Amino acid sequence: MQKRLGFIGIIIENREVNAAAVNELLGNYGDLIVARMGVPYQKRSCSAITLIVDATTDELGVLTGKLGALPGISVKSMLSKAK
């Protein structure tokens, strides 16, 4: 299966409690991540993370599935059409 460029958007609610699990998971999939930008939003006690990834559809599905299964985490993703 061919890898494609894409992104993952992650919202972490109650970041003081939930951020560590997200960071651990992202560390396990670091070989897929091209770039990462994270912004804490203290007013709402949450964080937003954007990842640029180079992954197959299967790899993206596994990562986003594991992220979405974590408590307090919302995830959206997209891969480019071009291979």
N, C-alpha and C. Protein backbone atom coordinates (compact mmCIF):
# COMPACT_ATOMS: atom_id res chain seq x y z
N MET A 1 0.84 -1.18 0.00
CA MET A 1 0.00 0.00 0.00
C MET A 1 0.89 1.25 0.00
N GLN A 2 0.51 2.23 -0.78
CA GLN A 2 1.30 3.46 -0.95
C GLN A 2 1.03 4.47 0.17
N LYS A 3 2.10 5.10 0.65
CA LYS A 3 1.94 6.16 1.66
C LYS A 3 1.54 7.45 0.97
N ARG A 4 0.75 8.26 1.70
CA ARG A 4 0.32 9.56 1.20
C ARG A 4 0.48 10.60 2.29
N LEU A 5 0.59 11.85 1.87
CA LEU A 5 0.68 12.96 2.80
C LEU A 5 -0.70 13.28 3.34
N GLY A 6 -0.78 13.62 4.61
CA GLY A 6 -2.08 13.97 5.19
C GLY A 6 -1.90 14.70 6.50
N PHE A 7 -3.02 14.89 7.19
CA PHE A 7 -2.97 15.55 8.50
C PHE A 7 -3.93 14.88 9.47
N ILE A 8 -3.65 15.09 10.74
CA ILE A 8 -4.52 14.65 11.82
C ILE A 8 -4.73 15.85 12.73
N GLY A 9 -5.97 16.16 13.03
CA GLY A 9 -6.31 17.20 13.99
C GLY A 9 -6.79 16.54 15.27
N ILE A 10 -6.23 16.96 16.39
CA ILE A 10 -6.55 16.36 17.69
C ILE A 10 -6.94 17.45 18.68
N ILE A 11 -8.05 17.26 19.36
CA ILE A 11 -8.44 18.14 20.49
C ILE A 11 -8.36 17.29 21.75
N ILE A 12 -7.62 17.80 22.73
CA ILE A 12 -7.47 17.11 24.02
C ILE A 12 -8.23 17.91 25.06
N GLU A 13 -9.31 17.35 25.57
CA GLU A 13 -10.06 17.98 26.65
C GLU A 13 -9.44 17.56 27.98
N ASN A 14 -9.53 18.42 28.97
CA ASN A 14 -8.95 18.15 30.29
C ASN A 14 -7.50 17.72 30.13
N ARG A 15 -6.72 18.59 29.51
CA ARG A 15 -5.36 18.24 29.09
C ARG A 15 -4.45 17.82 30.23
N GLU A 16 -4.67 18.32 31.42
CA GLU A 16 -3.83 17.95 32.55
C GLU A 16 -3.91 16.45 32.81
N VAL A 17 -5.04 15.87 32.53
CA VAL A 17 -5.26 14.44 32.78
C VAL A 17 -4.97 13.60 31.54
N ASN A 18 -5.34 14.09 30.35
CA ASN A 18 -5.34 13.27 29.14
C ASN A 18 -4.14 13.44 28.21
N ALA A 19 -3.35 14.49 28.37
CA ALA A 19 -2.26 14.76 27.42
C ALA A 19 -1.16 13.71 27.45
N ALA A 20 -0.86 13.16 28.60
CA ALA A 20 0.24 12.19 28.69
C ALA A 20 -0.02 10.96 27.83
N ALA A 21 -1.25 10.47 27.83
CA ALA A 21 -1.59 9.29 27.03
C ALA A 21 -1.47 9.58 25.54
N VAL A 22 -1.86 10.78 25.13
CA VAL A 22 -1.73 11.17 23.72
C VAL A 22 -0.26 11.25 23.33
N ASN A 23 0.55 11.89 24.14
CA ASN A 23 1.98 12.03 23.84
C ASN A 23 2.67 10.67 23.78
N GLU A 24 2.31 9.76 24.65
CA GLU A 24 2.89 8.42 24.62
C GLU A 24 2.52 7.70 23.33
N LEU A 25 1.27 7.78 22.94
CA LEU A 25 0.81 7.13 21.71
C LEU A 25 1.50 7.73 20.48
N LEU A 26 1.60 9.06 20.44
CA LEU A 26 2.25 9.71 19.31
C LEU A 26 3.73 9.33 19.23
N GLY A 27 4.36 9.14 20.37
CA GLY A 27 5.75 8.69 20.38
C GLY A 27 5.90 7.32 19.75
N ASN A 28 4.92 6.46 19.95
CA ASN A 28 4.96 5.12 19.37
C ASN A 28 4.80 5.14 17.85
N TYR A 29 4.21 6.20 17.31
CA TYR A 29 3.97 6.32 15.87
C TYR A 29 4.80 7.45 15.26
N GLY A 30 5.91 7.78 15.90
CA GLY A 30 6.74 8.89 15.45
C GLY A 30 7.27 8.75 14.04
N ASP A 31 7.40 7.51 13.55
CA ASP A 31 7.92 7.30 12.20
C ASP A 31 6.94 7.76 11.13
N LEU A 32 5.67 7.95 11.48
CA LEU A 32 4.66 8.44 10.53
C LEU A 32 4.55 9.96 10.53
N ILE A 33 5.03 10.61 11.59
CA ILE A 33 4.82 12.04 11.80
C ILE A 33 5.95 12.85 11.15
N VAL A 34 5.55 13.74 10.25
CA VAL A 34 6.49 14.63 9.56
C VAL A 34 6.67 15.92 10.36
N ALA A 35 5.56 16.45 10.90
CA ALA A 35 5.59 17.70 11.67
C ALA A 35 4.46 17.68 12.69
N ARG A 36 4.67 18.45 13.76
CA ARG A 36 3.66 18.54 14.82
C ARG A 36 3.60 19.96 15.35
N MET A 37 2.38 20.46 15.53
CA MET A 37 2.19 21.75 16.17
C MET A 37 1.11 21.58 17.24
N GLY A 38 1.42 21.98 18.45
CA GLY A 38 0.46 21.89 19.53
C GLY A 38 0.28 23.23 20.20
N VAL A 39 -0.97 23.54 20.55
CA VAL A 39 -1.28 24.81 21.20
C VAL A 39 -2.17 24.55 22.41
N PRO A 40 -1.67 24.82 23.61
CA PRO A 40 -2.54 24.70 24.79
C PRO A 40 -3.49 25.89 24.86
N TYR A 41 -4.71 25.64 25.28
CA TYR A 41 -5.69 26.72 25.45
C TYR A 41 -6.17 26.66 26.90
N GLN A 42 -5.47 27.41 27.75
CA GLN A 42 -5.70 27.34 29.19
C GLN A 42 -7.11 27.74 29.59
N LYS A 43 -7.70 28.68 28.88
CA LYS A 43 -9.04 29.15 29.23
C LYS A 43 -10.05 28.01 29.26
N ARG A 44 -9.87 27.02 28.36
CA ARG A 44 -10.79 25.89 28.29
C ARG A 44 -10.17 24.59 28.79
N SER A 45 -8.96 24.66 29.34
CA SER A 45 -8.24 23.49 29.83
C SER A 45 -8.16 22.39 28.77
N CYS A 46 -7.80 22.81 27.55
CA CYS A 46 -7.68 21.86 26.46
C CYS A 46 -6.46 22.20 25.62
N SER A 47 -6.18 21.36 24.65
CA SER A 47 -5.08 21.60 23.71
C SER A 47 -5.54 21.18 22.32
N ALA A 48 -4.96 21.82 21.32
CA ALA A 48 -5.18 21.43 19.93
C ALA A 48 -3.83 21.04 19.35
N ILE A 49 -3.79 19.89 18.68
CA ILE A 49 -2.57 19.41 18.05
C ILE A 49 -2.88 19.14 16.58
N THR A 50 -1.99 19.59 15.72
CA THR A 50 -2.07 19.25 14.30
C THR A 50 -0.81 18.48 13.93
N LEU A 51 -1.01 17.33 13.29
CA LEU A 51 0.09 16.51 12.82
C LEU A 51 0.07 16.46 11.30
N ILE A 52 1.23 16.57 10.68
CA ILE A 52 1.39 16.26 9.27
C ILE A 52 1.98 14.86 9.24
N VAL A 53 1.34 13.96 8.49
CA VAL A 53 1.77 12.57 8.47
C VAL A 53 2.06 12.10 7.05
N ASP A 54 2.88 11.09 6.94
CA ASP A 54 3.15 10.39 5.69
C ASP A 54 2.83 8.93 6.00
N ALA A 55 1.64 8.48 5.60
CA ALA A 55 1.14 7.18 6.06
C ALA A 55 0.23 6.53 5.03
N THR A 56 0.07 5.22 5.16
CA THR A 56 -0.93 4.52 4.36
C THR A 56 -2.29 4.72 5.01
N THR A 57 -3.33 4.37 4.31
CA THR A 57 -4.67 4.47 4.90
C THR A 57 -4.81 3.56 6.11
N ASP A 58 -4.19 2.40 6.06
CA ASP A 58 -4.24 1.48 7.19
C ASP A 58 -3.52 2.06 8.41
N GLU A 59 -2.32 2.60 8.20
CA GLU A 59 -1.57 3.20 9.30
C GLU A 59 -2.32 4.37 9.91
N LEU A 60 -2.89 5.21 9.06
CA LEU A 60 -3.66 6.35 9.56
C LEU A 60 -4.86 5.88 10.36
N GLY A 61 -5.54 4.87 9.87
CA GLY A 61 -6.71 4.34 10.57
C GLY A 61 -6.38 3.77 11.93
N VAL A 62 -5.27 3.06 12.02
CA VAL A 62 -4.86 2.49 13.31
C VAL A 62 -4.55 3.61 14.30
N LEU A 63 -3.76 4.59 13.87
CA LEU A 63 -3.38 5.68 14.76
C LEU A 63 -4.59 6.49 15.20
N THR A 64 -5.42 6.91 14.26
CA THR A 64 -6.59 7.72 14.64
C THR A 64 -7.59 6.92 15.48
N GLY A 65 -7.69 5.63 15.20
CA GLY A 65 -8.58 4.78 16.01
C GLY A 65 -8.12 4.70 17.46
N LYS A 66 -6.82 4.54 17.65
CA LYS A 66 -6.27 4.47 19.01
C LYS A 66 -6.41 5.82 19.71
N LEU A 67 -6.17 6.91 18.98
CA LEU A 67 -6.33 8.24 19.58
C LEU A 67 -7.79 8.47 19.97
N GLY A 68 -8.71 8.16 19.07
CA GLY A 68 -10.13 8.39 19.34
C GLY A 68 -10.68 7.55 20.47
N ALA A 69 -10.02 6.43 20.77
CA ALA A 69 -10.47 5.57 21.87
C ALA A 69 -10.05 6.10 23.24
N LEU A 70 -9.11 7.05 23.26
CA LEU A 70 -8.67 7.63 24.53
C LEU A 70 -9.74 8.56 25.08
N PRO A 71 -9.91 8.60 26.40
CA PRO A 71 -10.92 9.49 26.99
C PRO A 71 -10.58 10.97 26.75
N GLY A 72 -11.59 11.75 26.39
CA GLY A 72 -11.43 13.19 26.23
C GLY A 72 -10.72 13.62 24.96
N ILE A 73 -10.59 12.72 23.99
CA ILE A 73 -9.85 13.02 22.76
C ILE A 73 -10.80 13.00 21.56
N SER A 74 -10.74 14.05 20.73
CA SER A 74 -11.49 14.12 19.47
C SER A 74 -10.47 14.17 18.34
N VAL A 75 -10.72 13.42 17.26
CA VAL A 75 -9.76 13.30 16.17
C VAL A 75 -10.45 13.39 14.81
N LYS A 76 -9.81 14.08 13.89
CA LYS A 76 -10.22 14.12 12.47
C LYS A 76 -8.97 14.01 11.63
N SER A 77 -9.08 13.36 10.47
CA SER A 77 -7.90 13.19 9.62
C SER A 77 -8.27 13.20 8.15
N MET A 78 -7.23 13.37 7.32
CA MET A 78 -7.40 13.34 5.88
C MET A 78 -6.07 13.00 5.24
N LEU A 79 -6.13 12.22 4.16
CA LEU A 79 -4.95 11.94 3.34
C LEU A 79 -5.15 12.53 1.97
N SER A 80 -4.04 12.88 1.31
CA SER A 80 -4.11 13.43 -0.04
C SER A 80 -4.58 12.34 -1.02
N LYS A 81 -5.10 12.77 -2.15
CA LYS A 81 -5.50 11.84 -3.19
C LYS A 81 -4.29 11.30 -3.93
N ALA A 82 -3.28 12.15 -4.09
CA ALA A 82 -2.08 11.77 -4.83
C ALA A 82 -1.27 10.74 -4.09
N LYS A 83 -0.77 9.79 -4.82
CA LYS A 83 0.08 8.77 -4.22
C LYS A 83 1.47 9.12 -4.54
